[in-house]
Amino acid sequence: MKFDLHCHTSHGSLDGKVSIENYIQLLQRHGFDGMLITDHNSYNGYRAYKKLHESTHKYDDFIVLKGVEYDTLDAGHFLVIMPDRIKLPILEIRGMPLSLLMRIVHVFGGILGPAHPYGAKFLSAMHSKKLKRHPELIYDFDFIETDNTCNPHQGNMLARDLAKRYHKPAIAGSDAHKVKYIGTAYTDIDYTIKGNNDFINAVRLKKIAGCRCRDEVYSEPKVVTKILPVSLAWKVYNYGLGFLKAYSRKVNLKNLKELWEKFKHEALPESKADLYRNGHPHHASK
């Protein structure tokens, strides 16, 4: 099945310019079977899809997965996919450190991986001090986005090498915020995908058959020139928002305890059972 695994919509990303319905229509024209919505720290794009689907019953033959591109405090952007039945409001509150994010995601049965790991320095995991000081955290990534349309060619090549070195599934996403970039990246999945649970199993079972993108799209010097000057401003913005949302994160962390008490009594999917020790994932503790 052919998927775009990094998609931004106008409903959930401030810089997104494409509605979910238009996005679906364009991907279908390009021969895609589905997409993963990964708005910035928001599930509003997926909520818009659910509202559209429930009111019109359109696009039954197109699979829309629910994800988020999460802004960590210390390691850039991460793509996060949770099981169908799990709803974690804290994933819409930016600013958790990577170690805490990984622990929460894995305890509740989800998967995550770095978006554009060698992209812009202030957005990308492998340029962060966190990963330079604690490269062992890479072992707990469930996948690596190796092909990103918004990433220069060299960055994608480094990401591919990283995935090979750590034996991680490689995925591709257009990271499209505008119409002209939709359909420029694909991931081929050798598994029947009908929802998030299927996709999580496909990644765990390494059923990603291949992926590729047109990574020359954003490699022009004029685009890079526009991106680099905002790095300092972005750091201030990200840390500032993270600080302002600290109380909300604290409240949601308390709520997670109640949810965990309910969740821990449910059976873990077979493909993940061996990844847990005493109810917790290993490694993600730095």
C-alpha atoms as a PDB file:
ATOM      1  CA  MET A   1       0.000   0.000   0.000  1.00  0.00           C
ATOM      2  CA  LYS A   2       1.222   3.466  -0.916  1.00  0.00           C
ATOM      3  CA  PHE A   3       1.199   6.086   1.858  1.00  0.00           C
ATOM      4  CA  ASP A   4       2.443   9.608   2.496  1.00  0.00           C
ATOM      5  CA  LEU A   5       3.537   9.483   6.126  1.00  0.00           C
ATOM      6  CA  HIS A   6       4.126  13.179   6.831  1.00  0.00           C
ATOM      7  CA  CYS A   7       1.189  15.464   5.996  1.00  0.00           C
ATOM      8  CA  HIS A   8       0.171  18.900   7.285  1.00  0.00           C
ATOM      9  CA  THR A   9      -3.322  20.346   6.961  1.00  0.00           C
ATOM     10  CA  SER A  10      -4.780  23.821   7.288  1.00  0.00           C
ATOM     11  CA  HIS A  11      -6.900  22.602  10.200  1.00  0.00           C
ATOM     12  CA  GLY A  12      -4.046  21.693  12.530  1.00  0.00           C
ATOM     13  CA  SER A  13      -0.862  23.430  11.354  1.00  0.00           C
ATOM     14  CA  LEU A  14      -0.536  27.211  11.326  1.00  0.00           C
ATOM     15  CA  ASP A  15       1.633  26.954   8.213  1.00  0.00           C
ATOM     16  CA  GLY A  16      -0.607  24.365   6.514  1.00  0.00           C
ATOM     17  CA  LYS A  17      -2.376  25.635   3.403  1.00  0.00           C
ATOM     18  CA  VAL A  18      -4.366  22.567   2.300  1.00  0.00           C
ATOM     19  CA  SER A  19      -7.678  21.291   3.666  1.00  0.00           C
ATOM     20  CA  ILE A  20      -7.944  17.614   4.511  1.00  0.00           C
ATOM     21  CA  GLU A  21     -10.462  16.972   1.732  1.00  0.00           C
ATOM     22  CA  ASN A  22      -8.266  18.628  -0.883  1.00  0.00           C
ATOM     23  CA  TYR A  23      -5.263  16.695   0.436  1.00  0.00           C
ATOM     24  CA  ILE A  24      -7.084  13.371   0.071  1.00  0.00           C
ATOM     25  CA  GLN A  25      -8.263  14.193  -3.440  1.00  0.00           C
ATOM     26  CA  LEU A  26      -4.761  15.135  -4.580  1.00  0.00           C
ATOM     27  CA  LEU A  27      -3.156  12.020  -3.108  1.00  0.00           C
ATOM     28  CA  GLN A  28      -5.779   9.817  -4.738  1.00  0.00           C
ATOM     29  CA  ARG A  29      -4.937  11.367  -8.099  1.00  0.00           C
ATOM     30  CA  HIS A  30      -1.306  10.408  -7.469  1.00  0.00           C
ATOM     31  CA  GLY A  31      -2.316   6.802  -6.773  1.00  0.00           C
ATOM     32  CA  PHE A  32      -1.940   6.803  -2.996  1.00  0.00           C
ATOM     33  CA  ASP A  33      -3.889   4.432  -0.749  1.00  0.00           C
ATOM     34  CA  GLY A  34      -3.617   6.534   2.379  1.00  0.00           C
ATOM     35  CA  MET A  35      -1.921   9.197   4.455  1.00  0.00           C
ATOM     36  CA  LEU A  36      -0.733   9.943   7.978  1.00  0.00           C
ATOM     37  CA  ILE A  37      -1.829  13.342   9.288  1.00  0.00           C
ATOM     38  CA  THR A  38       1.040  14.837  11.300  1.00  0.00           C
ATOM     39  CA  ASP A  39       0.054  18.371  12.192  1.00  0.00           C
ATOM     40  CA  HIS A  40       2.254  20.279  14.624  1.00  0.00           C
ATOM     41  CA  ASN A  41       1.288  19.377  18.204  1.00  0.00           C
ATOM     42  CA  SER A  42      -2.334  19.012  17.144  1.00  0.00           C
ATOM     43  CA  TYR A  43      -4.912  16.426  16.120  1.00  0.00           C
ATOM     44  CA  ASN A  44      -7.234  19.043  14.617  1.00  0.00           C
ATOM     45  CA  GLY A  45      -6.502  17.851  11.091  1.00  0.00           C
ATOM     46  CA  TYR A  46      -7.607  14.344  12.003  1.00  0.00           C
ATOM     47  CA  ARG A  47     -10.669  15.714  13.783  1.00  0.00           C
ATOM     48  CA  ALA A  48     -11.568  17.574  10.595  1.00  0.00           C
ATOM     49  CA  TYR A  49     -11.233  14.317   8.654  1.00  0.00           C
ATOM     50  CA  LYS A  50     -13.480  12.435  11.098  1.00  0.00           C
ATOM     51  CA  LYS A  51     -16.119  15.154  10.866  1.00  0.00           C
ATOM     52  CA  LEU A  52     -15.940  15.098   7.059  1.00  0.00           C
ATOM     53  CA  HIS A  53     -16.109  11.309   6.878  1.00  0.00           C
ATOM     54  CA  GLU A  54     -18.945  10.955   9.371  1.00  0.00           C
ATOM     55  CA  SER A  55     -21.071  13.627   7.684  1.00  0.00           C
ATOM     56  CA  THR A  56     -20.489  12.621   4.050  1.00  0.00           C
ATOM     57  CA  HIS A  57     -19.247   8.979   4.167  1.00  0.00           C
ATOM     58  CA  LYS A  58     -16.818   9.938   1.423  1.00  0.00           C
ATOM     59  CA  TYR A  59     -13.368   8.462   0.846  1.00  0.00           C
ATOM     60  CA  ASP A  60     -14.125   5.032   2.319  1.00  0.00           C
ATOM     61  CA  ASP A  61     -11.475   3.599   0.001  1.00  0.00           C
ATOM     62  CA  PHE A  62      -8.761   5.921   1.334  1.00  0.00           C
ATOM     63  CA  ILE A  63      -7.059   5.318   4.693  1.00  0.00           C
ATOM     64  CA  VAL A  64      -6.351   8.286   6.952  1.00  0.00           C
ATOM     65  CA  LEU A  65      -4.116   7.609   9.949  1.00  0.00           C
ATOM     66  CA  LYS A  66      -3.914   9.759  13.065  1.00  0.00           C
ATOM     67  CA  GLY A  67      -0.506  11.099  14.037  1.00  0.00           C
ATOM     68  CA  VAL A  68       1.231  14.197  15.301  1.00  0.00           C
ATOM     69  CA  GLU A  69       4.539  15.956  14.695  1.00  0.00           C
ATOM     70  CA  TYR A  70       5.628  16.710  18.236  1.00  0.00           C
ATOM     71  CA  ASP A  71       7.984  19.547  19.187  1.00  0.00           C
ATOM     72  CA  THR A  72      10.269  18.185  21.901  1.00  0.00           C
ATOM     73  CA  LEU A  73      12.102  20.438  24.300  1.00  0.00           C
ATOM     74  CA  ASP A  74      15.538  19.089  23.499  1.00  0.00           C
ATOM     75  CA  ALA A  75      15.594  16.992  20.305  1.00  0.00           C
ATOM     76  CA  GLY A  76      13.591  18.599  17.515  1.00  0.00           C
ATOM     77  CA  HIS A  77      10.530  17.152  15.810  1.00  0.00           C
ATOM     78  CA  PHE A  78       9.227  13.600  16.251  1.00  0.00           C
ATOM     79  CA  LEU A  79       6.449  11.797  14.403  1.00  0.00           C
ATOM     80  CA  VAL A  80       4.178   9.988  16.870  1.00  0.00           C
ATOM     81  CA  ILE A  81       1.498   7.372  16.137  1.00  0.00           C
ATOM     82  CA  MET A  82      -0.644   5.931  18.926  1.00  0.00           C
ATOM     83  CA  PRO A  83      -2.984   2.900  18.878  1.00  0.00           C
ATOM     84  CA  ASP A  84      -6.536   3.516  17.710  1.00  0.00           C
ATOM     85  CA  ARG A  85      -8.060   3.337  21.170  1.00  0.00           C
ATOM     86  CA  ILE A  86      -5.540   5.597  22.931  1.00  0.00           C
ATOM     87  CA  LYS A  87      -6.112   9.345  23.312  1.00  0.00           C
ATOM     88  CA  LEU A  88      -3.370  11.324  25.041  1.00  0.00           C
ATOM     89  CA  PRO A  89      -4.089  15.074  25.264  1.00  0.00           C
ATOM     90  CA  ILE A  90      -0.518  15.654  26.423  1.00  0.00           C
ATOM     91  CA  LEU A  91       0.658  14.983  22.857  1.00  0.00           C
ATOM     92  CA  GLU A  92      -0.984  18.262  21.894  1.00  0.00           C
ATOM     93  CA  ILE A  93       1.060  20.162  24.470  1.00  0.00           C
ATOM     94  CA  ARG A  94       4.509  20.832  23.062  1.00  0.00           C
ATOM     95  CA  GLY A  95       7.701  20.909  25.088  1.00  0.00           C
ATOM     96  CA  MET A  96       8.235  17.501  26.687  1.00  0.00           C
ATOM     97  CA  PRO A  97      11.853  16.314  26.732  1.00  0.00           C
ATOM     98  CA  LEU A  98      12.534  13.429  24.371  1.00  0.00           C
ATOM     99  CA  SER A  99      13.080  10.831  27.101  1.00  0.00           C
ATOM    100  CA  LEU A 100       9.697  11.539  28.666  1.00  0.00           C
ATOM    101  CA  LEU A 101       7.973  11.537  25.289  1.00  0.00           C
ATOM    102  CA  MET A 102       9.449   8.144  24.390  1.00  0.00           C
ATOM    103  CA  ARG A 103       8.476   6.645  27.721  1.00  0.00           C
ATOM    104  CA  ILE A 104       4.864   7.811  27.446  1.00  0.00           C
ATOM    105  CA  VAL A 105       4.474   6.760  23.817  1.00  0.00           C
ATOM    106  CA  HIS A 106       5.922   3.295  24.364  1.00  0.00           C
ATOM    107  CA  VAL A 107       4.118   2.575  27.627  1.00  0.00           C
ATOM    108  CA  PHE A 108       0.803   3.221  25.876  1.00  0.00           C
ATOM    109  CA  GLY A 109       1.716   1.084  22.868  1.00  0.00           C
ATOM    110  CA  GLY A 110       2.619   3.768  20.341  1.00  0.00           C
ATOM    111  CA  ILE A 111       5.580   4.293  18.056  1.00  0.00           C
ATOM    112  CA  LEU A 112       7.721   7.287  17.206  1.00  0.00           C
ATOM    113  CA  GLY A 113      10.679   8.362  15.131  1.00  0.00           C
ATOM    114  CA  PRO A 114      12.545  11.538  14.230  1.00  0.00           C
ATOM    115  CA  ALA A 115      11.197  13.683  11.430  1.00  0.00           C
ATOM    116  CA  HIS A 116      13.922  14.934   9.055  1.00  0.00           C
ATOM    117  CA  PRO A 117      16.679  13.935  11.550  1.00  0.00           C
ATOM    118  CA  TYR A 118      19.361  15.829   9.613  1.00  0.00           C
ATOM    119  CA  GLY A 119      17.227  18.783   8.535  1.00  0.00           C
ATOM    120  CA  ALA A 120      17.335  22.323   9.890  1.00  0.00           C
ATOM    121  CA  LYS A 121      19.457  22.276  13.047  1.00  0.00           C
ATOM    122  CA  PHE A 122      16.806  23.717  15.329  1.00  0.00           C
ATOM    123  CA  LEU A 123      14.166  21.185  14.210  1.00  0.00           C
ATOM    124  CA  SER A 124      16.127  17.960  13.880  1.00  0.00           C
ATOM    125  CA  ALA A 125      17.115  15.251  16.333  1.00  0.00           C
ATOM    126  CA  MET A 126      20.594  14.423  15.100  1.00  0.00           C
ATOM    127  CA  HIS A 127      21.749  18.028  15.386  1.00  0.00           C
ATOM    128  CA  SER A 128      20.558  18.267  18.998  1.00  0.00           C
ATOM    129  CA  LYS A 129      22.815  18.160  22.043  1.00  0.00           C
ATOM    130  CA  LYS A 130      20.512  15.510  23.499  1.00  0.00           C
ATOM    131  CA  LEU A 131      21.285  12.922  20.816  1.00  0.00           C
ATOM    132  CA  LYS A 132      24.952  13.863  20.642  1.00  0.00           C
ATOM    133  CA  ARG A 133      25.283  13.225  24.368  1.00  0.00           C
ATOM    134  CA  HIS A 134      22.979  10.191  24.446  1.00  0.00           C
ATOM    135  CA  PRO A 135      23.164   8.392  21.078  1.00  0.00           C
ATOM    136  CA  GLU A 136      21.943   5.232  22.824  1.00  0.00           C
ATOM    137  CA  LEU A 137      18.432   6.728  22.685  1.00  0.00           C
ATOM    138  CA  ILE A 138      18.433   6.001  18.951  1.00  0.00           C
ATOM    139  CA  TYR A 139      17.945   2.316  19.768  1.00  0.00           C
ATOM    140  CA  ASP A 140      14.478   3.175  21.078  1.00  0.00           C
ATOM    141  CA  PHE A 141      13.353   4.883  17.876  1.00  0.00           C
ATOM    142  CA  ASP A 142      10.744   2.717  16.163  1.00  0.00           C
ATOM    143  CA  PHE A 143      11.494   4.114  12.709  1.00  0.00           C
ATOM    144  CA  ILE A 144      13.437   6.904  11.041  1.00  0.00           C
ATOM    145  CA  GLU A 145      12.099   9.299   8.440  1.00  0.00           C
ATOM    146  CA  THR A 146      14.823   8.914   5.842  1.00  0.00           C
ATOM    147  CA  ASP A 147      13.136  10.620   2.904  1.00  0.00           C
ATOM    148  CA  ASN A 148      11.585  14.042   3.396  1.00  0.00           C
ATOM    149  CA  THR A 149      10.686  16.292   0.494  1.00  0.00           C
ATOM    150  CA  CYS A 150      11.516  19.395   2.551  1.00  0.00           C
ATOM    151  CA  ASN A 151      14.987  18.086   3.361  1.00  0.00           C
ATOM    152  CA  PRO A 152      18.081  18.710   1.214  1.00  0.00           C
ATOM    153  CA  HIS A 153      19.477  15.626  -0.513  1.00  0.00           C
ATOM    154  CA  GLN A 154      22.481  15.385   1.807  1.00  0.00           C
ATOM    155  CA  GLY A 155      20.235  15.345   4.872  1.00  0.00           C
ATOM    156  CA  ASN A 156      18.182  12.492   3.455  1.00  0.00           C
ATOM    157  CA  MET A 157      21.318  10.532   2.610  1.00  0.00           C
ATOM    158  CA  LEU A 158      22.554  10.869   6.185  1.00  0.00           C
ATOM    159  CA  ALA A 159      19.151   9.757   7.480  1.00  0.00           C
ATOM    160  CA  ARG A 160      19.232   6.668   5.248  1.00  0.00           C
ATOM    161  CA  ASP A 161      22.673   5.781   6.574  1.00  0.00           C
ATOM    162  CA  LEU A 162      21.412   6.214  10.136  1.00  0.00           C
ATOM    163  CA  ALA A 163      18.492   3.845   9.556  1.00  0.00           C
ATOM    164  CA  LYS A 164      20.802   1.214   8.074  1.00  0.00           C
ATOM    165  CA  ARG A 165      23.323   1.545  10.885  1.00  0.00           C
ATOM    166  CA  TYR A 166      20.691   1.037  13.584  1.00  0.00           C
ATOM    167  CA  HIS A 167      18.548  -1.408  11.580  1.00  0.00           C
ATOM    168  CA  LYS A 168      15.465   0.801  11.790  1.00  0.00           C
ATOM    169  CA  PRO A 169      12.508   0.831   9.376  1.00  0.00           C
ATOM    170  CA  ALA A 170      12.794   3.748   6.955  1.00  0.00           C
ATOM    171  CA  ILE A 171       9.776   5.841   6.010  1.00  0.00           C
ATOM    172  CA  ALA A 172       9.142   8.745   3.652  1.00  0.00           C
ATOM    173  CA  GLY A 173       6.866  11.754   3.846  1.00  0.00           C
ATOM    174  CA  SER A 174       6.337  14.812   1.713  1.00  0.00           C
ATOM    175  CA  ASP A 175       6.061  17.130   4.746  1.00  0.00           C
ATOM    176  CA  ALA A 176       3.819  19.092   2.390  1.00  0.00           C
ATOM    177  CA  HIS A 177       2.257  22.292   3.639  1.00  0.00           C
ATOM    178  CA  LYS A 178       1.273  23.467   0.154  1.00  0.00           C
ATOM    179  CA  VAL A 179      -0.485  21.867  -2.807  1.00  0.00           C
ATOM    180  CA  LYS A 180       2.550  21.737  -5.088  1.00  0.00           C
ATOM    181  CA  TYR A 181       4.446  19.361  -2.771  1.00  0.00           C
ATOM    182  CA  ILE A 182       1.651  16.845  -2.222  1.00  0.00           C
ATOM    183  CA  GLY A 183       2.451  13.456  -3.723  1.00  0.00           C
ATOM    184  CA  THR A 184       6.218  14.019  -3.824  1.00  0.00           C
ATOM    185  CA  ALA A 185       7.050  11.255  -1.318  1.00  0.00           C
ATOM    186  CA  TYR A 186       5.750   7.765  -0.716  1.00  0.00           C
ATOM    187  CA  THR A 187       6.193   4.774   1.578  1.00  0.00           C
ATOM    188  CA  ASP A 188       5.322   1.330   0.236  1.00  0.00           C
ATOM    189  CA  ILE A 189       3.904  -0.904   2.976  1.00  0.00           C
ATOM    190  CA  ASP A 190       3.630  -4.665   2.451  1.00  0.00           C
ATOM    191  CA  TYR A 191       0.766  -5.012   4.928  1.00  0.00           C
ATOM    192  CA  THR A 192      -2.969  -4.355   4.925  1.00  0.00           C
ATOM    193  CA  ILE A 193      -3.522  -1.039   6.667  1.00  0.00           C
ATOM    194  CA  LYS A 194      -6.984  -0.110   7.900  1.00  0.00           C
ATOM    195  CA  GLY A 195      -6.060   1.922  10.968  1.00  0.00           C
ATOM    196  CA  ASN A 196      -3.324   2.957  13.373  1.00  0.00           C
ATOM    197  CA  ASN A 197      -3.033  -0.489  14.957  1.00  0.00           C
ATOM    198  CA  ASP A 198      -2.272  -2.051  11.582  1.00  0.00           C
ATOM    199  CA  PHE A 199       0.341   0.573  10.816  1.00  0.00           C
ATOM    200  CA  ILE A 200       2.020   0.124  14.201  1.00  0.00           C
ATOM    201  CA  ASN A 201       2.177  -3.627  13.611  1.00  0.00           C
ATOM    202  CA  ALA A 202       3.569  -3.089  10.106  1.00  0.00           C
ATOM    203  CA  VAL A 203       6.414  -1.001  11.506  1.00  0.00           C
ATOM    204  CA  ARG A 204       7.096  -3.450  14.336  1.00  0.00           C
ATOM    205  CA  LEU A 205       7.120  -6.363  11.909  1.00  0.00           C
ATOM    206  CA  LYS A 206       9.303  -4.399   9.462  1.00  0.00           C
ATOM    207  CA  LYS A 207       6.803  -4.576   6.626  1.00  0.00           C
ATOM    208  CA  ILE A 208       8.013  -1.330   5.043  1.00  0.00           C
ATOM    209  CA  ALA A 209       8.880  -2.441   1.512  1.00  0.00           C
ATOM    210  CA  GLY A 210      10.486   0.805   0.377  1.00  0.00           C
ATOM    211  CA  CYS A 211      10.255   4.577   0.338  1.00  0.00           C
ATOM    212  CA  ARG A 212      11.416   7.533  -1.701  1.00  0.00           C
ATOM    213  CA  CYS A 213      10.904  11.259  -2.177  1.00  0.00           C
ATOM    214  CA  ARG A 214      11.787  14.085  -4.511  1.00  0.00           C
ATOM    215  CA  ASP A 215      14.301  15.500  -2.081  1.00  0.00           C
ATOM    216  CA  GLU A 216      15.515  18.074  -4.579  1.00  0.00           C
ATOM    217  CA  VAL A 217      12.353  20.129  -4.108  1.00  0.00           C
ATOM    218  CA  TYR A 218      13.642  22.171  -1.156  1.00  0.00           C
ATOM    219  CA  SER A 219      17.362  21.917  -1.835  1.00  0.00           C
ATOM    220  CA  GLU A 220      17.580  25.223  -3.717  1.00  0.00           C
ATOM    221  CA  PRO A 221      19.848  27.773  -1.982  1.00  0.00           C
ATOM    222  CA  LYS A 222      17.062  30.392  -1.926  1.00  0.00           C
ATOM    223  CA  VAL A 223      14.921  28.171   0.291  1.00  0.00           C
ATOM    224  CA  VAL A 224      17.748  27.309   2.678  1.00  0.00           C
ATOM    225  CA  THR A 225      18.611  31.015   2.897  1.00  0.00           C
ATOM    226  CA  LYS A 226      15.082  31.758   4.063  1.00  0.00           C
ATOM    227  CA  ILE A 227      15.119  29.019   6.695  1.00  0.00           C
ATOM    228  CA  LEU A 228      18.444  29.567   8.458  1.00  0.00           C
ATOM    229  CA  PRO A 229      17.939  33.131   9.819  1.00  0.00           C
ATOM    230  CA  VAL A 230      14.893  32.076  11.843  1.00  0.00           C
ATOM    231  CA  SER A 231      16.768  29.461  13.888  1.00  0.00           C
ATOM    232  CA  LEU A 232      17.424  31.679  16.901  1.00  0.00           C
ATOM    233  CA  ALA A 233      13.904  33.097  16.841  1.00  0.00           C
ATOM    234  CA  TRP A 234      12.500  29.567  16.622  1.00  0.00           C
ATOM    235  CA  LYS A 235      14.491  28.409  19.643  1.00  0.00           C
ATOM    236  CA  VAL A 236      13.156  31.326  21.686  1.00  0.00           C
ATOM    237  CA  TYR A 237       9.618  30.618  20.445  1.00  0.00           C
ATOM    238  CA  ASN A 238       9.810  26.885  21.144  1.00  0.00           C
ATOM    239  CA  TYR A 239      11.314  27.222  24.612  1.00  0.00           C
ATOM    240  CA  GLY A 240       8.939  30.075  25.440  1.00  0.00           C
ATOM    241  CA  LEU A 241       5.825  28.133  24.495  1.00  0.00           C
ATOM    242  CA  GLY A 242       7.167  25.060  26.232  1.00  0.00           C
ATOM    243  CA  PHE A 243       7.589  27.071  29.436  1.00  0.00           C
ATOM    244  CA  LEU A 244       4.112  28.607  29.192  1.00  0.00           C
ATOM    245  CA  LYS A 245       2.533  25.183  28.765  1.00  0.00           C
ATOM    246  CA  ALA A 246       4.387  23.610  31.695  1.00  0.00           C
ATOM    247  CA  TYR A 247       1.340  23.666  33.977  1.00  0.00           C
ATOM    248  CA  SER A 248      -0.879  22.025  31.351  1.00  0.00           C
ATOM    249  CA  ARG A 249       1.704  19.271  30.877  1.00  0.00           C
ATOM    250  CA  LYS A 250       1.857  18.708  34.646  1.00  0.00           C
ATOM    251  CA  VAL A 251      -1.919  18.313  34.870  1.00  0.00           C
ATOM    252  CA  ASN A 252      -1.995  15.935  31.911  1.00  0.00           C
ATOM    253  CA  LEU A 253       0.829  13.847  33.338  1.00  0.00           C
ATOM    254  CA  LYS A 254      -1.276  13.279  36.448  1.00  0.00           C
ATOM    255  CA  ASN A 255      -4.197  12.228  34.259  1.00  0.00           C
ATOM    256  CA  LEU A 256      -1.943   9.700  32.523  1.00  0.00           C
ATOM    257  CA  LYS A 257      -1.647   7.726  35.748  1.00  0.00           C
ATOM    258  CA  GLU A 258      -5.375   7.053  35.776  1.00  0.00           C
ATOM    259  CA  LEU A 259      -5.341   6.103  32.107  1.00  0.00           C
ATOM    260  CA  TRP A 260      -2.378   3.784  32.664  1.00  0.00           C
ATOM    261  CA  GLU A 261      -4.190   1.955  35.471  1.00  0.00           C
ATOM    262  CA  LYS A 262      -6.924   1.157  32.960  1.00  0.00           C
ATOM    263  CA  PHE A 263      -4.613   0.396  30.050  1.00  0.00           C
ATOM    264  CA  LYS A 264      -2.112  -1.865  31.834  1.00  0.00           C
ATOM    265  CA  HIS A 265      -4.751  -4.549  32.395  1.00  0.00           C
ATOM    266  CA  GLU A 266      -5.340  -4.903  28.657  1.00  0.00           C
ATOM    267  CA  ALA A 267      -3.345  -7.439  26.647  1.00  0.00           C
ATOM    268  CA  LEU A 268      -0.412  -6.064  24.711  1.00  0.00           C
ATOM    269  CA  PRO A 269      -0.336  -6.802  20.972  1.00  0.00           C
ATOM    270  CA  GLU A 270       1.840  -9.847  20.289  1.00  0.00           C
ATOM    271  CA  SER A 271       4.287  -7.879  18.148  1.00  0.00           C
ATOM    272  CA  LYS A 272       5.160  -5.639  21.118  1.00  0.00           C
ATOM    273  CA  ALA A 273       4.953  -7.983  24.091  1.00  0.00           C
ATOM    274  CA  ASP A 274       8.650  -8.820  24.040  1.00  0.00           C
ATOM    275  CA  LEU A 275       9.621  -5.133  24.033  1.00  0.00           C
ATOM    276  CA  TYR A 276       8.380  -4.540  27.566  1.00  0.00           C
ATOM    277  CA  ARG A 277      10.045  -5.366  30.839  1.00  0.00           C
ATOM    278  CA  ASN A 278       7.914  -5.060  33.969  1.00  0.00           C
ATOM    279  CA  GLY A 279       5.466  -2.895  32.084  1.00  0.00           C
ATOM    280  CA  HIS A 280       8.035  -0.387  30.861  1.00  0.00           C
ATOM    281  CA  PRO A 281      10.197  -0.042  27.752  1.00  0.00           C
ATOM    282  CA  HIS A 282      13.922  -0.346  28.231  1.00  0.00           C
ATOM    283  CA  HIS A 283      16.530   2.340  27.339  1.00  0.00           C
ATOM    284  CA  ALA A 284      14.333   5.468  27.371  1.00  0.00           C
ATOM    285  CA  SER A 285      15.452   6.714  30.736  1.00  0.00           C
ATOM    286  CA  LYS A 286      18.227   9.187  30.088  1.00  0.00           C
END
